[in-house]
């Protein structure tokens, strides 16, 4: 089990110009702007659970990103799991 980011659409202020989570995400094409809803959107199978998007979103006082646990079969779970150790999220 590991964590991935999930954006709460109602709290996301991307429509007002905020794209901090998208800019700071170190994984290419993991966070993108959904141009129809004008909110940030996570590509779950690319997210490594580093929580950098959550850190910048919380620092901006938007609190629109939560970390959610993913089971071994790729299904989202109700509660968050353990945070990855430094560098653990990027190991093979």
PDB file of N, CA and C in Angstrom:
ATOM      1  N   UNK A   1       0.845  -1.174   0.000  1.00  0.00           N
ATOM      2  CA  UNK A   1       0.000   0.000   0.000  1.00  0.00           C
ATOM      3  C   UNK A   1       0.889   1.235   0.000  1.00  0.00           C
ATOM      4  N   UNK A   2       0.505   2.233  -0.766  1.00  0.00           N
ATOM      5  CA  UNK A   2       1.219   3.498  -0.819  1.00  0.00           C
ATOM      6  C   UNK A   2       0.195   4.611  -1.013  1.00  0.00           C
ATOM      7  N   UNK A   3       0.651   5.848  -0.901  1.00  0.00           N
ATOM      8  CA  UNK A   3      -0.250   6.992  -1.037  1.00  0.00           C
ATOM      9  C   UNK A   3      -0.124   7.646  -2.391  1.00  0.00           C
ATOM     10  N   UNK A   4      -1.220   8.190  -2.870  1.00  0.00           N
ATOM     11  CA  UNK A   4      -1.229   9.040  -4.051  1.00  0.00           C
ATOM     12  C   UNK A   4      -2.019  10.302  -3.711  1.00  0.00           C
ATOM     13  N   UNK A   5      -1.776  11.343  -4.463  1.00  0.00           N
ATOM     14  CA  UNK A   5      -2.474  12.609  -4.247  1.00  0.00           C
ATOM     15  C   UNK A   5      -3.864  12.560  -4.874  1.00  0.00           C
ATOM     16  N   UNK A   6      -4.799  13.214  -4.224  1.00  0.00           N
ATOM     17  CA  UNK A   6      -6.148  13.384  -4.753  1.00  0.00           C
ATOM     18  C   UNK A   6      -6.543  14.836  -4.550  1.00  0.00           C
ATOM     19  N   UNK A   7      -7.073  15.466  -5.574  1.00  0.00           N
ATOM     20  CA  UNK A   7      -7.469  16.867  -5.513  1.00  0.00           C
ATOM     21  C   UNK A   7      -8.967  16.959  -5.234  1.00  0.00           C
ATOM     22  N   UNK A   8      -9.331  17.795  -4.272  1.00  0.00           N
ATOM     23  CA  UNK A   8     -10.736  18.088  -3.998  1.00  0.00           C
ATOM     24  C   UNK A   8     -11.136  19.236  -4.916  1.00  0.00           C
ATOM     25  N   UNK A   9     -11.967  18.934  -5.898  1.00  0.00           N
ATOM     26  CA  UNK A   9     -12.325  19.915  -6.927  1.00  0.00           C
ATOM     27  C   UNK A   9     -12.876  21.214  -6.337  1.00  0.00           C
ATOM     28  N   UNK A  10     -13.699  21.108  -5.306  1.00  0.00           N
ATOM     29  CA  UNK A  10     -14.339  22.289  -4.727  1.00  0.00           C
ATOM     30  C   UNK A  10     -13.338  23.234  -4.065  1.00  0.00           C
ATOM     31  N   UNK A  11     -12.201  22.701  -3.615  1.00  0.00           N
ATOM     32  CA  UNK A  11     -11.191  23.526  -2.952  1.00  0.00           C
ATOM     33  C   UNK A  11     -10.105  24.027  -3.905  1.00  0.00           C
ATOM     34  N   UNK A  12      -9.961  23.384  -5.045  1.00  0.00           N
ATOM     35  CA  UNK A  12      -8.903  23.733  -6.001  1.00  0.00           C
ATOM     36  C   UNK A  12      -9.199  25.096  -6.627  1.00  0.00           C
ATOM     37  N   UNK A  13      -8.194  25.976  -6.622  1.00  0.00           N
ATOM     38  CA  UNK A  13      -8.369  27.320  -7.178  1.00  0.00           C
ATOM     39  C   UNK A  13      -7.567  27.501  -8.475  1.00  0.00           C
ATOM     40  N   UNK A  14      -7.388  26.435  -9.223  1.00  0.00           N
ATOM     41  CA  UNK A  14      -6.677  26.521 -10.501  1.00  0.00           C
ATOM     42  C   UNK A  14      -7.393  27.470 -11.453  1.00  0.00           C
ATOM     43  N   UNK A  15      -8.710  27.549 -11.350  1.00  0.00           N
ATOM     44  CA  UNK A  15      -9.468  28.448 -12.226  1.00  0.00           C
ATOM     45  C   UNK A  15      -9.134  29.913 -11.964  1.00  0.00           C
ATOM     46  N   UNK A  16      -8.554  30.194 -10.788  1.00  0.00           N
ATOM     47  CA  UNK A  16      -8.138  31.560 -10.448  1.00  0.00           C
ATOM     48  C   UNK A  16      -6.665  31.796 -10.768  1.00  0.00           C
ATOM     49  N   UNK A  17      -6.018  30.813 -11.382  1.00  0.00           N
ATOM     50  CA  UNK A  17      -4.642  30.982 -11.806  1.00  0.00           C
ATOM     51  C   UNK A  17      -3.622  30.187 -11.020  1.00  0.00           C
ATOM     52  N   UNK A  18      -4.002  29.557  -9.930  1.00  0.00           N
ATOM     53  CA  UNK A  18      -3.051  28.766  -9.146  1.00  0.00           C
ATOM     54  C   UNK A  18      -2.735  27.474  -9.892  1.00  0.00           C
ATOM     55  N   UNK A  19      -1.471  27.215 -10.092  1.00  0.00           N
ATOM     56  CA  UNK A  19      -1.017  25.967 -10.712  1.00  0.00           C
ATOM     57  C   UNK A  19       0.209  25.456  -9.963  1.00  0.00           C
ATOM     58  N   UNK A  20       0.333  25.807  -8.673  1.00  0.00           N
ATOM     59  CA  UNK A  20       1.520  25.459  -7.907  1.00  0.00           C
ATOM     60  C   UNK A  20       1.778  23.957  -7.877  1.00  0.00           C
ATOM     61  N   UNK A  21       0.754  23.171  -7.639  1.00  0.00           N
ATOM     62  CA  UNK A  21       0.945  21.722  -7.558  1.00  0.00           C
ATOM     63  C   UNK A  21       1.450  21.166  -8.882  1.00  0.00           C
ATOM     64  N   UNK A  22       0.925  21.672  -9.982  1.00  0.00           N
ATOM     65  CA  UNK A  22       1.340  21.216 -11.307  1.00  0.00           C
ATOM     66  C   UNK A  22       2.793  21.601 -11.569  1.00  0.00           C
ATOM     67  N   UNK A  23       3.153  22.822 -11.197  1.00  0.00           N
ATOM     68  CA  UNK A  23       4.518  23.308 -11.441  1.00  0.00           C
ATOM     69  C   UNK A  23       5.558  22.582 -10.602  1.00  0.00           C
ATOM     70  N   UNK A  24       5.220  22.256  -9.356  1.00  0.00           N
ATOM     71  CA  UNK A  24       6.203  21.682  -8.451  1.00  0.00           C
ATOM     72  C   UNK A  24       6.267  20.156  -8.483  1.00  0.00           C
ATOM     73  N   UNK A  25       5.335  19.500  -9.118  1.00  0.00           N
ATOM     74  CA  UNK A  25       5.353  18.036  -9.180  1.00  0.00           C
ATOM     75  C   UNK A  25       6.584  17.571  -9.956  1.00  0.00           C
ATOM     76  N   UNK A  26       7.420  16.716  -9.350  1.00  0.00           N
ATOM     77  CA  UNK A  26       8.634  16.267 -10.029  1.00  0.00           C
ATOM     78  C   UNK A  26       8.388  15.170 -11.070  1.00  0.00           C
ATOM     79  N   UNK A  27       7.216  14.593 -11.079  1.00  0.00           N
ATOM     80  CA  UNK A  27       6.900  13.502 -12.012  1.00  0.00           C
ATOM     81  C   UNK A  27       6.189  14.075 -13.243  1.00  0.00           C
ATOM     82  N   UNK A  28       6.764  13.876 -14.396  1.00  0.00           N
ATOM     83  CA  UNK A  28       6.198  14.419 -15.635  1.00  0.00           C
ATOM     84  C   UNK A  28       4.791  13.884 -15.889  1.00  0.00           C
ATOM     85  N   UNK A  29       3.902  14.771 -16.272  1.00  0.00           N
ATOM     86  CA  UNK A  29       2.519  14.433 -16.626  1.00  0.00           C
ATOM     87  C   UNK A  29       1.759  13.715 -15.517  1.00  0.00           C
ATOM     88  N   UNK A  30       2.098  13.995 -14.292  1.00  0.00           N
ATOM     89  CA  UNK A  30       1.390  13.388 -13.160  1.00  0.00           C
ATOM     90  C   UNK A  30       0.220  14.269 -12.732  1.00  0.00           C
ATOM     91  N   UNK A  31       0.452  15.553 -12.654  1.00  0.00           N
ATOM     92  CA  UNK A  31      -0.597  16.527 -12.346  1.00  0.00           C
ATOM     93  C   UNK A  31      -0.815  17.380 -13.579  1.00  0.00           C
ATOM     94  N   UNK A  32      -2.051  17.437 -14.030  1.00  0.00           N
ATOM     95  CA  UNK A  32      -2.399  18.231 -15.207  1.00  0.00           C
ATOM     96  C   UNK A  32      -3.618  19.082 -14.895  1.00  0.00           C
ATOM     97  N   UNK A  33      -3.821  20.095 -15.700  1.00  0.00           N
ATOM     98  CA  UNK A  33      -5.001  20.934 -15.565  1.00  0.00           C
ATOM     99  C   UNK A  33      -6.133  20.324 -16.381  1.00  0.00           C
ATOM    100  N   UNK A  34      -7.246  20.061 -15.721  1.00  0.00           N
ATOM    101  CA  UNK A  34      -8.441  19.617 -16.428  1.00  0.00           C
ATOM    102  C   UNK A  34      -9.093  20.881 -16.969  1.00  0.00           C
ATOM    103  N   UNK A  35      -8.971  21.108 -18.262  1.00  0.00           N
ATOM    104  CA  UNK A  35      -9.427  22.369 -18.854  1.00  0.00           C
ATOM    105  C   UNK A  35     -10.945  22.502 -18.897  1.00  0.00           C
ATOM    106  N   UNK A  36     -11.672  21.415 -18.756  1.00  0.00           N
ATOM    107  CA  UNK A  36     -13.129  21.493 -18.719  1.00  0.00           C
ATOM    108  C   UNK A  36     -13.617  21.966 -17.354  1.00  0.00           C
ATOM    109  N   UNK A  37     -13.065  21.366 -16.283  1.00  0.00           N
ATOM    110  CA  UNK A  37     -13.466  21.733 -14.923  1.00  0.00           C
ATOM    111  C   UNK A  37     -12.589  22.827 -14.333  1.00  0.00           C
ATOM    112  N   UNK A  38     -11.438  23.117 -14.982  1.00  0.00           N
ATOM    113  CA  UNK A  38     -10.466  24.099 -14.513  1.00  0.00           C
ATOM    114  C   UNK A  38      -9.995  23.810 -13.089  1.00  0.00           C
ATOM    115  N   UNK A  39      -9.607  22.558 -12.871  1.00  0.00           N
ATOM    116  CA  UNK A  39      -9.015  22.112 -11.609  1.00  0.00           C
ATOM    117  C   UNK A  39      -7.818  21.227 -11.920  1.00  0.00           C
ATOM    118  N   UNK A  40      -6.921  21.114 -10.961  1.00  0.00           N
ATOM    119  CA  UNK A  40      -5.794  20.203 -11.105  1.00  0.00           C
ATOM    120  C   UNK A  40      -6.313  18.774 -11.013  1.00  0.00           C
ATOM    121  N   UNK A  41      -5.699  17.884 -11.760  1.00  0.00           N
ATOM    122  CA  UNK A  41      -6.139  16.489 -11.791  1.00  0.00           C
ATOM    123  C   UNK A  41      -4.914  15.579 -11.731  1.00  0.00           C
ATOM    124  N   UNK A  42      -4.966  14.575 -10.875  1.00  0.00           N
ATOM    125  CA  UNK A  42      -3.855  13.647 -10.682  1.00  0.00           C
ATOM    126  C   UNK A  42      -4.038  12.427 -11.567  1.00  0.00           C
ATOM    127  N   UNK A  43      -2.968  12.044 -12.250  1.00  0.00           N
ATOM    128  CA  UNK A  43      -2.949  10.787 -13.004  1.00  0.00           C
ATOM    129  C   UNK A  43      -2.419   9.745 -12.019  1.00  0.00           C
ATOM    130  N   UNK A  44      -3.307   8.964 -11.454  1.00  0.00           N
ATOM    131  CA  UNK A  44      -2.991   8.091 -10.320  1.00  0.00           C
ATOM    132  C   UNK A  44      -1.861   7.119 -10.619  1.00  0.00           C
ATOM    133  N   UNK A  45      -1.832   6.549 -11.800  1.00  0.00           N
ATOM    134  CA  UNK A  45      -0.795   5.559 -12.083  1.00  0.00           C
ATOM    135  C   UNK A  45       0.585   6.186 -12.303  1.00  0.00           C
ATOM    136  N   UNK A  46       0.689   7.511 -12.314  1.00  0.00           N
ATOM    137  CA  UNK A  46       1.985   8.185 -12.415  1.00  0.00           C
ATOM    138  C   UNK A  46       2.438   8.768 -11.077  1.00  0.00           C
ATOM    139  N   UNK A  47       1.520   8.966 -10.149  1.00  0.00           N
ATOM    140  CA  UNK A  47       1.833   9.590  -8.858  1.00  0.00           C
ATOM    141  C   UNK A  47       2.699   8.662  -8.016  1.00  0.00           C
ATOM    142  N   UNK A  48       3.792   9.203  -7.501  1.00  0.00           N
ATOM    143  CA  UNK A  48       4.721   8.433  -6.671  1.00  0.00           C
ATOM    144  C   UNK A  48       4.512   8.672  -5.171  1.00  0.00           C
ATOM    145  N   UNK A  49       3.576   9.528  -4.815  1.00  0.00           N
ATOM    146  CA  UNK A  49       3.274   9.754  -3.405  1.00  0.00           C
ATOM    147  C   UNK A  49       4.294  10.588  -2.666  1.00  0.00           C
ATOM    148  N   UNK A  50       5.010  11.462  -3.357  1.00  0.00           N
ATOM    149  CA  UNK A  50       6.063  12.246  -2.701  1.00  0.00           C
ATOM    150  C   UNK A  50       5.497  13.351  -1.810  1.00  0.00           C
ATOM    151  N   UNK A  51       4.249  13.734  -2.009  1.00  0.00           N
ATOM    152  CA  UNK A  51       3.525  14.733  -1.229  1.00  0.00           C
ATOM    153  C   UNK A  51       3.979  16.168  -1.473  1.00  0.00           C
ATOM    154  N   UNK A  52       4.822  16.412  -2.455  1.00  0.00           N
ATOM    155  CA  UNK A  52       5.260  17.776  -2.724  1.00  0.00           C
ATOM    156  C   UNK A  52       4.089  18.660  -3.143  1.00  0.00           C
ATOM    157  N   UNK A  53       3.172  18.137  -3.921  1.00  0.00           N
ATOM    158  CA  UNK A  53       1.996  18.906  -4.332  1.00  0.00           C
ATOM    159  C   UNK A  53       1.164  19.304  -3.119  1.00  0.00           C
ATOM    160  N   UNK A  54       1.015  18.391  -2.172  1.00  0.00           N
ATOM    161  CA  UNK A  54       0.261  18.685  -0.949  1.00  0.00           C
ATOM    162  C   UNK A  54       0.948  19.763  -0.128  1.00  0.00           C
ATOM    163  N   UNK A  55       2.271  19.699  -0.047  1.00  0.00           N
ATOM    164  CA  UNK A  55       3.031  20.692   0.718  1.00  0.00           C
ATOM    165  C   UNK A  55       2.818  22.090   0.147  1.00  0.00           C
ATOM    166  N   UNK A  56       2.950  22.242  -1.180  1.00  0.00           N
ATOM    167  CA  UNK A  56       2.796  23.575  -1.772  1.00  0.00           C
ATOM    168  C   UNK A  56       1.345  24.050  -1.722  1.00  0.00           C
ATOM    169  N   UNK A  57       0.408  23.146  -1.861  1.00  0.00           N
ATOM    170  CA  UNK A  57      -1.008  23.513  -1.783  1.00  0.00           C
ATOM    171  C   UNK A  57      -1.366  23.960  -0.359  1.00  0.00           C
ATOM    172  N   UNK A  58      -0.882  23.230   0.645  1.00  0.00           N
ATOM    173  CA  UNK A  58      -1.125  23.610   2.038  1.00  0.00           C
ATOM    174  C   UNK A  58      -0.443  24.929   2.380  1.00  0.00           C
ATOM    175  N   UNK A  59       0.773  25.146   1.863  1.00  0.00           N
ATOM    176  CA  UNK A  59       1.504  26.394   2.127  1.00  0.00           C
ATOM    177  C   UNK A  59       0.761  27.592   1.545  1.00  0.00           C
ATOM    178  N   UNK A  60       0.056  27.380   0.441  1.00  0.00           N
ATOM    179  CA  UNK A  60      -0.726  28.452  -0.177  1.00  0.00           C
ATOM    180  C   UNK A  60      -2.096  28.608   0.489  1.00  0.00           C
ATOM    181  N   UNK A  61      -2.353  27.810   1.520  1.00  0.00           N
ATOM    182  CA  UNK A  61      -3.606  27.854   2.303  1.00  0.00           C
ATOM    183  C   UNK A  61      -4.838  27.424   1.509  1.00  0.00           C
ATOM    184  N   UNK A  62      -4.636  26.556   0.501  1.00  0.00           N
ATOM    185  CA  UNK A  62      -5.770  26.057  -0.272  1.00  0.00           C
ATOM    186  C   UNK A  62      -6.275  24.719   0.260  1.00  0.00           C
ATOM    187  N   UNK A  63      -5.377  23.899   0.768  1.00  0.00           N
ATOM    188  CA  UNK A  63      -5.724  22.597   1.354  1.00  0.00           C
ATOM    189  C   UNK A  63      -6.611  21.749   0.438  1.00  0.00           C
ATOM    190  N   UNK A  64      -6.325  21.770  -0.859  1.00  0.00           N
ATOM    191  CA  UNK A  64      -7.155  21.054  -1.830  1.00  0.00           C
ATOM    192  C   UNK A  64      -6.647  19.653  -2.129  1.00  0.00           C
ATOM    193  N   UNK A  65      -5.474  19.284  -1.598  1.00  0.00           N
ATOM    194  CA  UNK A  65      -4.892  17.983  -1.929  1.00  0.00           C
ATOM    195  C   UNK A  65      -4.788  17.122  -0.675  1.00  0.00           C
ATOM    196  N   UNK A  66      -5.266  15.904  -0.790  1.00  0.00           N
ATOM    197  CA  UNK A  66      -5.169  14.909   0.276  1.00  0.00           C
ATOM    198  C   UNK A  66      -4.413  13.712  -0.264  1.00  0.00           C
ATOM    199  N   UNK A  67      -3.739  13.020   0.617  1.00  0.00           N
ATOM    200  CA  UNK A  67      -3.063  11.788   0.225  1.00  0.00           C
ATOM    201  C   UNK A  67      -3.993  10.622   0.569  1.00  0.00           C
ATOM    202  N   UNK A  68      -4.183   9.741  -0.391  1.00  0.00           N
ATOM    203  CA  UNK A  68      -5.097   8.608  -0.248  1.00  0.00           C
ATOM    204  C   UNK A  68      -4.331   7.327  -0.543  1.00  0.00           C
ATOM    205  N   UNK A  69      -4.583   6.316   0.245  1.00  0.00           N
ATOM    206  CA  UNK A  69      -3.897   5.033   0.068  1.00  0.00           C
ATOM    207  C   UNK A  69      -4.417   4.298  -1.164  1.00  0.00           C
ATOM    208  N   UNK A  70      -3.490   3.598  -1.811  1.00  0.00           N
ATOM    209  CA  UNK A  70      -3.817   2.754  -2.964  1.00  0.00           C
ATOM    210  C   UNK A  70      -3.393   1.335  -2.613  1.00  0.00           C
ATOM    211  N   UNK A  71      -4.271   0.392  -2.833  1.00  0.00           N
ATOM    212  CA  UNK A  71      -3.948  -1.004  -2.540  1.00  0.00           C
ATOM    213  C   UNK A  71      -3.047  -1.577  -3.624  1.00  0.00           C
ATOM    214  N   UNK A  72      -2.581  -2.786  -3.429  1.00  0.00           N
ATOM    215  CA  UNK A  72      -1.685  -3.448  -4.374  1.00  0.00           C
ATOM    216  C   UNK A  72      -2.320  -3.625  -5.752  1.00  0.00           C
ATOM    217  N   UNK A  73      -3.641  -3.716  -5.806  1.00  0.00           N
ATOM    218  CA  UNK A  73      -4.313  -3.883  -7.102  1.00  0.00           C
ATOM    219  C   UNK A  73      -4.668  -2.552  -7.765  1.00  0.00           C
ATOM    220  N   UNK A  74      -4.266  -1.426  -7.154  1.00  0.00           N
ATOM    221  CA  UNK A  74      -4.475  -0.112  -7.753  1.00  0.00           C
ATOM    222  C   UNK A  74      -5.765   0.580  -7.365  1.00  0.00           C
ATOM    223  N   UNK A  75      -6.533  -0.005  -6.467  1.00  0.00           N
ATOM    224  CA  UNK A  75      -7.796   0.601  -6.043  1.00  0.00           C
ATOM    225  C   UNK A  75      -7.553   1.623  -4.932  1.00  0.00           C
ATOM    226  N   UNK A  76      -8.254   2.755  -4.999  1.00  0.00           N
ATOM    227  CA  UNK A  76      -8.160   3.755  -3.944  1.00  0.00           C
ATOM    228  C   UNK A  76      -8.846   3.245  -2.697  1.00  0.00           C
ATOM    229  N   UNK A  77      -8.254   3.544  -1.553  1.00  0.00           N
ATOM    230  CA  UNK A  77      -8.806   3.101  -0.277  1.00  0.00           C
ATOM    231  C   UNK A  77      -9.362   4.309   0.474  1.00  0.00           C
ATOM    232  N   UNK A  78     -10.089   4.064   1.551  1.00  0.00           N
ATOM    233  CA  UNK A  78     -10.740   5.135   2.301  1.00  0.00           C
ATOM    234  C   UNK A  78      -9.786   5.965   3.145  1.00  0.00           C
ATOM    235  N   UNK A  79      -8.684   5.385   3.593  1.00  0.00           N
ATOM    236  CA  UNK A  79      -7.789   6.120   4.482  1.00  0.00           C
ATOM    237  C   UNK A  79      -6.382   6.157   3.911  1.00  0.00           C
ATOM    238  N   UNK A  80      -5.586   7.091   4.407  1.00  0.00           N
ATOM    239  CA  UNK A  80      -4.203   7.221   3.936  1.00  0.00           C
ATOM    240  C   UNK A  80      -3.343   6.142   4.554  1.00  0.00           C
ATOM    241  N   UNK A  81      -2.361   5.682   3.811  1.00  0.00           N
ATOM    242  CA  UNK A  81      -1.401   4.708   4.309  1.00  0.00           C
ATOM    243  C   UNK A  81      -0.156   5.408   4.823  1.00  0.00           C
ATOM    244  N   UNK A  82       0.934   4.690   4.897  1.00  0.00           N
ATOM    245  CA  UNK A  82       2.183   5.267   5.363  1.00  0.00           C
ATOM    246  C   UNK A  82       2.773   6.181   4.300  1.00  0.00           C
ATOM    247  N   UNK A  83       3.449   7.225   4.749  1.00  0.00           N
ATOM    248  CA  UNK A  83       4.169   8.084   3.815  1.00  0.00           C
ATOM    249  C   UNK A  83       5.444   7.366   3.392  1.00  0.00           C
ATOM    250  N   UNK A  84       5.851   7.560   2.181  1.00  0.00           N
ATOM    251  CA  UNK A  84       7.081   6.957   1.682  1.00  0.00           C
ATOM    252  C   UNK A  84       8.276   7.619   2.347  1.00  0.00           C
ATOM    253  N   UNK A  85       9.322   6.845   2.609  1.00  0.00           N
ATOM    254  CA  UNK A  85      10.542   7.400   3.144  1.00  0.00           C
ATOM    255  C   UNK A  85      11.267   8.197   2.073  1.00  0.00           C
ATOM    256  N   UNK A  86      12.206   9.011   2.456  1.00  0.00           N
ATOM    257  CA  UNK A  86      12.918   9.857   1.512  1.00  0.00           C
ATOM    258  C   UNK A  86      13.542   8.993   0.413  1.00  0.00           C
ATOM    259  N   UNK A  87      13.167   9.242  -0.806  1.00  0.00           N
ATOM    260  CA  UNK A  87      13.698   8.503  -1.944  1.00  0.00           C
ATOM    261  C   UNK A  87      12.989   7.183  -2.210  1.00  0.00           C
ATOM    262  N   UNK A  88      12.210   6.704  -1.283  1.00  0.00           N
ATOM    263  CA  UNK A  88      11.545   5.412  -1.430  1.00  0.00           C
ATOM    264  C   UNK A  88      10.534   5.436  -2.581  1.00  0.00           C
ATOM    265  N   UNK A  89       9.873   6.543  -2.770  1.00  0.00           N
ATOM    266  CA  UNK A  89       8.845   6.624  -3.796  1.00  0.00           C
ATOM    267  C   UNK A  89       9.406   6.482  -5.198  1.00  0.00           C
ATOM    268  N   UNK A  90      10.697   6.759  -5.380  1.00  0.00           N
ATOM    269  CA  UNK A  90      11.276   6.738  -6.710  1.00  0.00           C
ATOM    270  C   UNK A  90      12.112   5.498  -6.989  1.00  0.00           C
ATOM    271  N   UNK A  91      12.128   4.554  -6.079  1.00  0.00           N
ATOM    272  CA  UNK A  91      12.867   3.328  -6.311  1.00  0.00           C
ATOM    273  C   UNK A  91      12.054   2.402  -7.213  1.00  0.00           C
ATOM    274  N   UNK A  92      12.709   1.804  -8.177  1.00  0.00           N
ATOM    275  CA  UNK A  92      12.181   0.873  -9.151  1.00  0.00           C
ATOM    276  C   UNK A  92      10.863   0.364  -8.949  1.00  0.00           C
TER     277      UNK A  92
END
